[in-house]
């Protein structure tokens, strides 16, 4: 990639992350969605689902259901 193309791509990414996404997050619909996720314990900054307490709680619930009722879900390899 040519240096000018690389600089242009980096500039576009910078504008996206530093200007467009923060403005979008302040929009009423997006703000409501972010607040709803936060109220349910979903961490929007989580890198993996295991970083989110809500996802871990859901996974634990599934494990408990599977233990109580082994035939509830289709056969999965453990």
N, C-alpha and C. Protein backbone atom coordinates (compact mmCIF):
# COMPACT_ATOMS: atom_id res chain seq x y z
N UNK A 1 0.86 -1.17 0.00
CA UNK A 1 0.00 0.00 0.00
C UNK A 1 0.90 1.23 0.00
N UNK A 2 0.55 2.16 -0.81
CA UNK A 2 1.33 3.39 -0.91
C UNK A 2 1.13 4.24 0.34
N UNK A 3 2.14 5.02 0.70
CA UNK A 3 2.03 5.85 1.92
C UNK A 3 0.83 6.79 1.90
N UNK A 4 0.50 7.35 0.75
CA UNK A 4 -0.63 8.27 0.67
C UNK A 4 -1.94 7.52 0.91
N UNK A 5 -2.06 6.32 0.36
CA UNK A 5 -3.25 5.51 0.57
C UNK A 5 -3.37 5.11 2.04
N UNK A 6 -2.26 4.76 2.64
CA UNK A 6 -2.25 4.39 4.05
C UNK A 6 -2.67 5.57 4.93
N UNK A 7 -2.16 6.74 4.64
CA UNK A 7 -2.53 7.94 5.40
C UNK A 7 -4.02 8.26 5.23
N UNK A 8 -4.53 8.08 4.03
CA UNK A 8 -5.95 8.33 3.77
C UNK A 8 -6.81 7.34 4.55
N UNK A 9 -6.43 6.07 4.53
CA UNK A 9 -7.19 5.04 5.26
C UNK A 9 -7.15 5.32 6.76
N UNK A 10 -5.99 5.69 7.27
CA UNK A 10 -5.87 6.01 8.69
C UNK A 10 -6.72 7.23 9.05
N UNK A 11 -6.75 8.21 8.17
CA UNK A 11 -7.57 9.40 8.40
C UNK A 11 -9.06 9.06 8.42
N UNK A 12 -9.48 8.20 7.50
CA UNK A 12 -10.89 7.78 7.48
C UNK A 12 -11.27 7.05 8.75
N UNK A 13 -10.41 6.15 9.20
CA UNK A 13 -10.67 5.43 10.45
C UNK A 13 -10.71 6.39 11.63
N UNK A 14 -9.81 7.37 11.63
CA UNK A 14 -9.80 8.37 12.70
C UNK A 14 -11.09 9.16 12.75
N UNK A 15 -11.56 9.60 11.58
CA UNK A 15 -12.82 10.35 11.51
C UNK A 15 -13.98 9.48 11.98
N UNK A 16 -13.97 8.22 11.56
CA UNK A 16 -15.04 7.30 11.95
C UNK A 16 -15.10 7.16 13.47
N UNK A 17 -13.95 6.86 14.09
CA UNK A 17 -13.92 6.58 15.52
C UNK A 17 -13.97 7.83 16.40
N UNK A 18 -13.45 8.94 15.91
CA UNK A 18 -13.37 10.14 16.74
C UNK A 18 -14.50 11.14 16.50
N UNK A 19 -15.19 11.01 15.36
CA UNK A 19 -16.25 11.98 15.05
C UNK A 19 -17.60 11.30 14.85
N UNK A 20 -17.67 10.38 13.92
CA UNK A 20 -18.96 9.80 13.52
C UNK A 20 -19.56 8.93 14.63
N UNK A 21 -18.81 7.98 15.16
CA UNK A 21 -19.36 7.08 16.18
C UNK A 21 -19.76 7.80 17.47
N UNK A 22 -18.96 8.75 17.97
CA UNK A 22 -19.42 9.49 19.16
C UNK A 22 -20.71 10.29 18.91
N UNK A 23 -20.85 10.87 17.72
CA UNK A 23 -22.10 11.59 17.42
C UNK A 23 -23.27 10.62 17.36
N UNK A 24 -23.05 9.47 16.77
CA UNK A 24 -24.10 8.46 16.65
C UNK A 24 -24.53 7.99 18.04
N UNK A 25 -23.57 7.83 18.95
CA UNK A 25 -23.88 7.37 20.30
C UNK A 25 -24.73 8.38 21.07
N UNK A 26 -24.70 9.64 20.67
CA UNK A 26 -25.51 10.67 21.34
C UNK A 26 -26.92 10.78 20.78
N UNK A 27 -27.22 10.08 19.70
CA UNK A 27 -28.57 10.11 19.13
C UNK A 27 -29.54 9.42 20.10
N UNK A 28 -30.77 9.89 20.20
CA UNK A 28 -31.72 9.35 21.19
C UNK A 28 -31.93 7.83 21.08
N UNK A 29 -32.11 7.31 19.88
CA UNK A 29 -32.35 5.87 19.74
C UNK A 29 -31.13 5.06 20.17
N UNK A 30 -29.95 5.50 19.77
CA UNK A 30 -28.73 4.78 20.14
C UNK A 30 -28.47 4.91 21.64
N UNK A 31 -28.70 6.10 22.18
CA UNK A 31 -28.51 6.32 23.62
C UNK A 31 -29.44 5.39 24.42
N UNK A 32 -30.69 5.25 23.97
CA UNK A 32 -31.64 4.37 24.65
C UNK A 32 -31.17 2.92 24.58
N UNK A 33 -30.67 2.51 23.43
CA UNK A 33 -30.19 1.13 23.29
C UNK A 33 -28.98 0.89 24.19
N UNK A 34 -28.07 1.84 24.25
CA UNK A 34 -26.89 1.70 25.11
C UNK A 34 -27.30 1.64 26.58
N UNK A 35 -28.25 2.46 26.97
CA UNK A 35 -28.72 2.45 28.36
C UNK A 35 -29.44 1.14 28.69
N UNK A 36 -30.21 0.62 27.73
CA UNK A 36 -30.90 -0.66 27.93
C UNK A 36 -29.88 -1.79 28.12
N UNK A 37 -28.85 -1.80 27.29
CA UNK A 37 -27.81 -2.82 27.43
C UNK A 37 -27.11 -2.70 28.78
N UNK A 38 -26.81 -1.48 29.16
CA UNK A 38 -26.13 -1.25 30.44
C UNK A 38 -27.00 -1.71 31.60
N UNK A 39 -28.32 -1.47 31.52
CA UNK A 39 -29.24 -1.89 32.58
C UNK A 39 -29.30 -3.40 32.70
N UNK A 40 -29.07 -4.10 31.59
CA UNK A 40 -29.08 -5.57 31.61
C UNK A 40 -27.70 -6.16 31.88
N UNK A 41 -26.72 -5.32 32.17
CA UNK A 41 -25.39 -5.80 32.50
C UNK A 41 -24.52 -6.15 31.31
N UNK A 42 -24.90 -5.68 30.12
CA UNK A 42 -24.10 -5.97 28.93
C UNK A 42 -23.03 -4.89 28.80
N UNK A 43 -21.79 -5.31 28.75
CA UNK A 43 -20.67 -4.40 28.62
C UNK A 43 -20.37 -4.20 27.14
N UNK A 44 -20.69 -3.04 26.60
CA UNK A 44 -20.46 -2.76 25.19
C UNK A 44 -19.00 -2.74 24.81
N UNK A 45 -18.13 -2.55 25.77
CA UNK A 45 -16.71 -2.52 25.49
C UNK A 45 -16.04 -3.88 25.64
N UNK A 46 -16.82 -4.89 25.91
CA UNK A 46 -16.26 -6.23 26.10
C UNK A 46 -15.67 -6.73 24.78
N UNK A 47 -14.49 -7.28 24.87
CA UNK A 47 -13.84 -7.81 23.68
C UNK A 47 -14.43 -9.16 23.30
N UNK A 48 -14.67 -9.98 24.28
CA UNK A 48 -15.24 -11.30 24.06
C UNK A 48 -16.49 -11.44 24.91
N UNK A 49 -17.35 -12.36 24.56
CA UNK A 49 -18.58 -12.52 25.34
C UNK A 49 -18.27 -12.89 26.78
N UNK A 50 -17.12 -13.49 27.03
CA UNK A 50 -16.76 -13.87 28.39
C UNK A 50 -16.38 -12.66 29.24
N UNK A 51 -16.20 -11.51 28.62
CA UNK A 51 -15.91 -10.28 29.36
C UNK A 51 -17.19 -9.64 29.89
N UNK A 52 -18.33 -10.10 29.44
CA UNK A 52 -19.60 -9.50 29.80
C UNK A 52 -20.29 -10.31 30.90
N UNK A 53 -20.56 -9.70 32.05
CA UNK A 53 -21.23 -10.42 33.13
C UNK A 53 -22.59 -10.99 32.71
N UNK A 54 -23.34 -10.26 31.87
CA UNK A 54 -24.64 -10.75 31.43
C UNK A 54 -24.50 -12.02 30.60
N UNK A 55 -23.49 -12.08 29.75
CA UNK A 55 -23.28 -13.28 28.93
C UNK A 55 -22.87 -14.45 29.81
N UNK A 56 -22.05 -14.20 30.80
CA UNK A 56 -21.63 -15.28 31.70
C UNK A 56 -22.81 -15.80 32.51
N UNK A 57 -23.69 -14.92 32.93
CA UNK A 57 -24.87 -15.36 33.68
C UNK A 57 -25.77 -16.21 32.78
N UNK A 58 -25.93 -15.81 31.54
CA UNK A 58 -26.73 -16.59 30.60
C UNK A 58 -26.12 -17.95 30.34
N UNK A 59 -24.82 -17.99 30.20
CA UNK A 59 -24.13 -19.26 29.98
C UNK A 59 -24.30 -20.17 31.20
N UNK A 60 -24.22 -19.61 32.39
CA UNK A 60 -24.41 -20.40 33.60
C UNK A 60 -25.83 -20.96 33.67
N UNK A 61 -26.81 -20.17 33.27
CA UNK A 61 -28.20 -20.64 33.25
C UNK A 61 -28.37 -21.81 32.30
N UNK A 62 -27.74 -21.73 31.14
CA UNK A 62 -27.82 -22.82 30.17
C UNK A 62 -27.17 -24.07 30.72
N UNK A 63 -26.03 -23.92 31.37
CA UNK A 63 -25.36 -25.08 31.96
C UNK A 63 -26.23 -25.74 33.02
N UNK A 64 -26.88 -24.93 33.85
CA UNK A 64 -27.76 -25.49 34.89
C UNK A 64 -28.95 -26.22 34.27
N UNK A 65 -29.54 -25.64 33.23
CA UNK A 65 -30.65 -26.30 32.54
C UNK A 65 -30.21 -27.63 31.94
N UNK A 66 -29.03 -27.61 31.33
CA UNK A 66 -28.51 -28.83 30.70
C UNK A 66 -28.26 -29.91 31.75
N UNK A 67 -27.81 -29.50 32.91
CA UNK A 67 -27.54 -30.46 33.97
C UNK A 67 -28.85 -31.03 34.53
N UNK A 68 -29.86 -30.18 34.68
CA UNK A 68 -31.15 -30.63 35.22
C UNK A 68 -31.94 -31.46 34.22
N UNK A 69 -31.83 -31.09 32.95
CA UNK A 69 -32.60 -31.77 31.90
C UNK A 69 -31.66 -32.07 30.72
N UNK A 70 -30.92 -33.16 30.79
CA UNK A 70 -29.91 -33.44 29.77
C UNK A 70 -30.45 -33.52 28.34
N UNK A 71 -31.71 -33.88 28.15
CA UNK A 71 -32.26 -34.01 26.80
C UNK A 71 -32.99 -32.76 26.32
N UNK A 72 -32.88 -31.68 27.08
CA UNK A 72 -33.57 -30.45 26.72
C UNK A 72 -33.03 -29.87 25.40
N UNK A 73 -31.73 -29.88 25.26
CA UNK A 73 -31.08 -29.37 24.05
C UNK A 73 -30.64 -30.54 23.20
N UNK A 74 -30.36 -30.28 21.94
CA UNK A 74 -29.84 -31.33 21.09
C UNK A 74 -28.49 -31.79 21.63
N UNK A 75 -28.08 -32.92 21.20
CA UNK A 75 -26.83 -33.51 21.71
C UNK A 75 -25.64 -32.66 21.29
N UNK A 76 -24.91 -32.19 22.26
CA UNK A 76 -23.70 -31.43 22.01
C UNK A 76 -22.53 -32.19 22.63
N UNK A 77 -21.41 -32.08 22.00
CA UNK A 77 -20.22 -32.70 22.58
C UNK A 77 -19.68 -31.79 23.67
N UNK A 78 -19.29 -32.38 24.77
CA UNK A 78 -18.75 -31.58 25.87
C UNK A 78 -17.25 -31.48 25.79
